[in-house]
Amino acid sequence: MGVVLFAASHLTLAVPHLREAGRQRFGKFYGPGFGLLSLLPLVLIIMGWRTAPFSPVYDAPSWGRIATFVLVLPAFLCFGIFLFRGSWRQKLRFPLALAVAFWAVGHLLANGDGASLILFGGMLVYALAHMALGVVNDVRPSPIVREGHDVISLVIGVALYGVVAQLHPLFTGVPVVTLSL
């Protein structure tokens, strides 16, 4: 349910007339309100994944966790680029969808259970659909480019990567890295 709500709400951003209708209706509260309401599907996603029974579907490769660790870094860099108005946001065009795609592919390589397949597979389908709808509708990021935002976006992306790696066990019950002597 959380994946469907997340995908449905975020796909509206790739359809200009739907996005504009939201902006017209909610005015200056559209952006912040959309951001806050986006937290609800994320909470549902985390709760659903954590409470789902483990049912294996495929064997994840032995190198899957390492691939996830590597792929999630560009995901967070893309997320940082999405958050700021640097020139890289223009070049990537869909930095948030790219972030979700990197994140989803990485996690599909590390997890082979049904709940993970639904979560990460569903989010990958959403990201690809978002990019496809965006291309068809000629959606582009705001043309405003701010000086210094490219560097800030990378710093924030790396910082968020570190923070989420530390908090990952709290949200998912799964540590990113386990150290043993």
Protein backbone atom coordinates (compact mmCIF):
# COMPACT_ATOMS: atom_id res chain seq x y z
CA MET A 1 0.00 0.00 0.00
CA GLY A 2 2.82 2.43 0.89
CA VAL A 3 4.63 1.83 -2.42
CA VAL A 4 1.43 2.44 -4.39
CA LEU A 5 0.67 5.67 -2.47
CA PHE A 6 4.25 6.90 -2.91
CA ALA A 7 4.27 6.10 -6.64
CA ALA A 8 0.82 7.57 -7.32
CA SER A 9 1.54 10.81 -5.49
CA HIS A 10 4.99 11.28 -7.01
CA LEU A 11 3.95 10.40 -10.57
CA THR A 12 1.73 13.48 -10.52
CA LEU A 13 4.97 15.51 -10.58
CA ALA A 14 5.74 14.09 -14.03
CA VAL A 15 2.38 15.22 -15.44
CA PRO A 16 2.41 19.02 -15.74
CA HIS A 17 -1.37 19.62 -15.66
CA LEU A 18 -1.75 17.53 -12.49
CA ARG A 19 1.17 19.29 -10.80
CA GLU A 20 -0.21 22.70 -11.80
CA ALA A 21 -3.66 21.80 -10.49
CA GLY A 22 -2.09 21.04 -7.11
CA ARG A 23 -0.16 24.31 -7.15
CA GLN A 24 -3.27 26.28 -8.08
CA ARG A 25 -5.33 24.64 -5.36
CA PHE A 26 -2.81 24.84 -2.50
CA GLY A 27 -0.70 27.85 -3.51
CA LYS A 28 2.49 28.42 -1.54
CA PHE A 29 1.68 25.44 0.70
CA TYR A 30 1.87 22.96 -2.20
CA GLY A 31 5.63 22.21 -1.98
CA PRO A 32 5.97 21.97 1.79
CA GLY A 33 2.62 20.19 2.10
CA PHE A 34 3.56 17.68 -0.57
CA GLY A 35 6.84 17.03 1.20
CA LEU A 36 5.16 16.43 4.56
CA LEU A 37 2.44 14.23 3.06
CA SER A 38 5.17 12.19 1.32
CA LEU A 39 6.28 11.04 4.76
CA LEU A 40 3.07 9.03 5.23
CA PRO A 41 3.78 6.55 2.40
CA LEU A 42 7.38 6.27 3.61
CA VAL A 43 6.19 5.35 7.11
CA LEU A 44 3.75 2.81 5.62
CA ILE A 45 6.56 1.37 3.46
CA ILE A 46 8.89 0.91 6.42
CA MET A 47 6.15 -0.55 8.64
CA GLY A 48 4.96 -2.89 5.89
CA TRP A 49 8.46 -4.13 5.05
CA ARG A 50 9.40 -4.67 8.71
CA THR A 51 6.23 -6.60 9.55
CA ALA A 52 6.11 -8.73 6.38
CA PRO A 53 7.00 -12.39 6.84
CA PHE A 54 10.25 -13.52 5.25
CA SER A 55 9.48 -15.61 2.20
CA PRO A 56 12.43 -16.28 -0.11
CA VAL A 57 11.87 -15.72 -3.84
CA TYR A 58 15.41 -15.82 -5.23
CA ASP A 59 18.94 -16.15 -3.93
CA ALA A 60 20.65 -12.77 -3.79
CA PRO A 61 24.23 -12.91 -5.08
CA SER A 62 27.00 -13.13 -2.49
CA TRP A 63 28.29 -9.71 -3.61
CA GLY A 64 24.82 -8.13 -3.38
CA ARG A 65 25.41 -6.28 -0.11
CA ILE A 66 28.62 -4.74 -1.46
CA ALA A 67 26.82 -3.70 -4.65
CA THR A 68 24.10 -2.11 -2.54
CA PHE A 69 26.64 -0.19 -0.50
CA VAL A 70 28.22 1.09 -3.75
CA LEU A 71 24.96 1.88 -5.59
CA VAL A 72 23.36 3.71 -2.68
CA LEU A 73 26.14 6.34 -2.72
CA PRO A 74 25.17 7.65 -6.20
CA ALA A 75 21.56 7.41 -5.04
CA PHE A 76 22.28 9.84 -2.21
CA LEU A 77 24.38 12.06 -4.48
CA CYS A 78 21.40 12.26 -6.87
CA PHE A 79 19.12 12.98 -3.91
CA GLY A 80 21.43 15.82 -2.82
CA ILE A 81 21.38 17.17 -6.38
CA PHE A 82 17.57 17.03 -6.31
CA LEU A 83 17.44 19.08 -3.10
CA PHE A 84 19.47 22.01 -4.46
CA ARG A 85 19.29 24.20 -7.56
CA GLY A 86 22.72 23.61 -9.07
CA SER A 87 23.49 23.04 -12.74
CA TRP A 88 23.71 19.27 -12.22
CA ARG A 89 20.01 19.22 -11.47
CA GLN A 90 19.43 20.49 -15.01
CA LYS A 91 21.84 17.96 -16.50
CA LEU A 92 20.38 14.94 -14.70
CA ARG A 93 16.82 16.16 -15.30
CA PHE A 94 15.28 13.55 -12.98
CA PRO A 95 17.70 13.32 -10.05
CA LEU A 96 15.13 12.03 -7.55
CA ALA A 97 13.91 9.27 -9.88
CA LEU A 98 17.54 8.36 -10.60
CA ALA A 99 18.21 8.24 -6.85
CA VAL A 100 15.28 5.88 -6.33
CA ALA A 101 16.42 3.69 -9.25
CA PHE A 102 20.00 3.35 -7.90
CA TRP A 103 18.64 2.64 -4.41
CA ALA A 104 16.12 0.06 -5.65
CA VAL A 105 18.55 -1.83 -7.91
CA GLY A 106 21.11 -1.97 -5.12
CA HIS A 107 18.60 -3.36 -2.67
CA LEU A 108 17.24 -5.90 -5.17
CA LEU A 109 20.78 -7.25 -5.43
CA ALA A 110 21.02 -7.71 -1.66
CA ASN A 111 17.56 -9.03 -0.84
CA GLY A 112 15.73 -11.98 -2.37
CA ASP A 113 12.55 -12.12 -0.30
CA GLY A 114 9.00 -11.32 -1.36
CA ALA A 115 8.58 -8.16 0.71
CA SER A 116 11.84 -6.73 -0.64
CA LEU A 117 10.84 -7.63 -4.18
CA ILE A 118 7.55 -5.79 -3.76
CA LEU A 119 9.18 -2.77 -2.10
CA PHE A 120 12.32 -2.33 -4.19
CA GLY A 121 10.84 -3.71 -7.41
CA GLY A 122 7.82 -1.43 -7.00
CA MET A 123 10.01 1.59 -6.36
CA LEU A 124 12.15 0.77 -9.42
CA VAL A 125 9.01 0.57 -11.57
CA TYR A 126 7.91 3.92 -10.12
CA ALA A 127 11.31 5.54 -10.89
CA LEU A 128 11.33 4.28 -14.48
CA ALA A 129 7.70 5.36 -14.98
CA HIS A 130 8.49 8.79 -13.54
CA MET A 131 11.37 9.29 -15.96
CA ALA A 132 9.32 8.00 -18.91
CA LEU A 133 6.34 10.25 -18.09
CA GLY A 134 8.71 13.17 -17.56
CA VAL A 135 10.31 12.69 -20.98
CA VAL A 136 6.93 12.29 -22.71
CA ASN A 137 5.61 15.45 -21.00
CA ASP A 138 8.90 17.36 -21.48
CA VAL A 139 9.21 17.96 -17.73
CA ARG A 140 12.36 19.82 -16.71
CA PRO A 141 13.67 21.11 -13.39
CA SER A 142 13.33 24.77 -12.56
CA PRO A 143 15.66 26.79 -14.80
CA ILE A 144 16.96 28.69 -11.77
CA VAL A 145 20.58 27.71 -11.11
CA ARG A 146 22.25 28.97 -7.94
CA GLU A 147 25.97 29.46 -7.58
CA GLY A 148 27.64 26.91 -5.33
CA HIS A 149 24.69 24.55 -5.17
CA ASP A 150 26.49 21.79 -7.09
CA VAL A 151 29.12 21.47 -4.37
CA ILE A 152 26.57 21.81 -1.57
CA SER A 153 24.41 19.09 -3.14
CA LEU A 154 27.32 16.63 -3.17
CA VAL A 155 28.31 17.44 0.41
CA ILE A 156 24.72 16.98 1.58
CA GLY A 157 24.38 13.77 -0.45
CA VAL A 158 27.49 12.25 1.17
CA ALA A 159 26.38 13.45 4.62
CA LEU A 160 22.90 11.91 4.19
CA TYR A 161 24.51 8.68 2.98
CA GLY A 162 26.49 8.51 6.22
CA VAL A 163 23.55 9.42 8.43
CA VAL A 164 21.20 6.91 6.80
CA ALA A 165 23.86 4.19 6.98
CA GLN A 166 24.03 4.80 10.73
CA LEU A 167 20.24 4.95 11.19
CA HIS A 168 19.48 2.03 8.84
CA PRO A 169 19.29 -0.55 11.68
CA LEU A 170 16.88 1.69 13.59
CA PHE A 171 14.42 1.93 10.67
CA THR A 172 14.84 -1.48 9.08
CA GLY A 173 16.38 -3.68 11.73
CA VAL A 174 19.18 -4.47 9.27
CA PRO A 175 22.69 -3.08 9.77
CA VAL A 176 24.41 -1.71 6.67
CA VAL A 177 27.81 -2.95 7.74
CA THR A 178 28.59 -5.58 10.32
CA LEU A 179 32.07 -5.58 11.71
CA SER A 180 33.53 -8.65 13.32
CA LEU A 181 37.00 -9.36 14.62
